[in-house]
Amino acid sequence: MNPAQPQRTVLEQSPAGGPRGSWSAEEYAAAQRAQGRPDARVVMGPGSNQFLVVTETTTQ
């Protein structure tokens, strides 16, 4: 593993072409932050048409 690249964990996926756009992913990320994962955020999946909710920490 490259120390310059943090390990990301995908918590949730939402289709980018959905009727609500990224809002379902944003809502999920906000819920994760409220539950103690302050680094949960939404990114666009590389090479995909999906929004990903990711965290830089490992989930258990």
Protein backbone atom coordinates (compact mmCIF):
# COMPACT_ATOMS: atom_id res chain seq x y z
CA MET A 1 0.00 0.00 0.00
CA ASN A 2 1.28 3.46 -0.86
CA PRO A 3 1.48 5.63 2.31
CA ALA A 4 0.62 8.74 0.25
CA GLN A 5 -2.72 7.17 -0.74
CA PRO A 6 -5.11 6.59 2.18
CA GLN A 7 -7.23 3.45 2.09
CA ARG A 8 -10.85 4.25 1.26
CA THR A 9 -13.85 2.18 2.22
CA VAL A 10 -17.03 2.43 0.12
CA LEU A 11 -20.04 2.56 2.44
CA GLU A 12 -22.84 3.03 -0.11
CA GLN A 13 -23.43 3.43 -3.85
CA SER A 14 -26.15 5.42 -5.61
CA PRO A 15 -26.79 5.61 -9.35
CA ALA A 16 -25.93 9.03 -10.76
CA GLY A 17 -28.81 8.84 -13.22
CA GLY A 18 -31.43 8.39 -10.52
CA PRO A 19 -34.35 10.78 -10.19
CA ARG A 20 -32.89 12.36 -7.05
CA GLY A 21 -29.32 12.74 -8.33
CA SER A 22 -26.72 12.72 -5.56
CA TRP A 23 -29.18 13.58 -2.77
CA SER A 24 -29.62 10.01 -1.53
CA ALA A 25 -25.84 9.64 -1.32
CA GLU A 26 -25.53 13.03 0.41
CA GLU A 27 -28.22 12.05 2.92
CA TYR A 28 -26.47 8.75 3.64
CA ALA A 29 -23.12 10.51 4.10
CA ALA A 30 -24.72 13.02 6.47
CA ALA A 31 -26.24 10.18 8.50
CA GLN A 32 -22.84 8.48 8.70
CA ARG A 33 -21.24 11.71 9.92
CA ALA A 34 -23.95 12.04 12.57
CA GLN A 35 -23.16 8.48 13.71
CA GLY A 36 -19.47 9.18 14.26
CA ARG A 37 -17.78 8.92 10.86
CA PRO A 38 -16.76 12.56 10.34
CA ASP A 39 -14.87 11.83 7.12
CA ALA A 40 -17.80 10.23 5.23
CA ARG A 41 -18.20 12.03 1.91
CA VAL A 42 -19.62 11.61 -1.57
CA VAL A 43 -17.41 11.13 -4.63
CA MET A 44 -18.12 10.14 -8.21
CA GLY A 45 -17.04 6.57 -8.89
CA PRO A 46 -14.14 6.37 -11.32
CA GLY A 47 -15.27 4.97 -14.64
CA SER A 48 -18.83 4.52 -13.40
CA ASN A 49 -22.12 6.34 -13.33
CA GLN A 50 -22.38 6.08 -9.55
CA PHE A 51 -22.02 8.31 -6.53
CA LEU A 52 -20.02 6.59 -3.80
CA VAL A 53 -20.12 7.37 -0.09
CA VAL A 54 -16.57 6.78 1.11
CA THR A 55 -14.58 7.06 4.31
CA GLU A 56 -10.82 7.18 4.76
CA THR A 57 -11.02 4.83 7.74
CA THR A 58 -11.56 1.10 7.80
CA THR A 59 -15.00 -0.07 8.91
CA GLN A 60 -15.47 -3.05 11.17
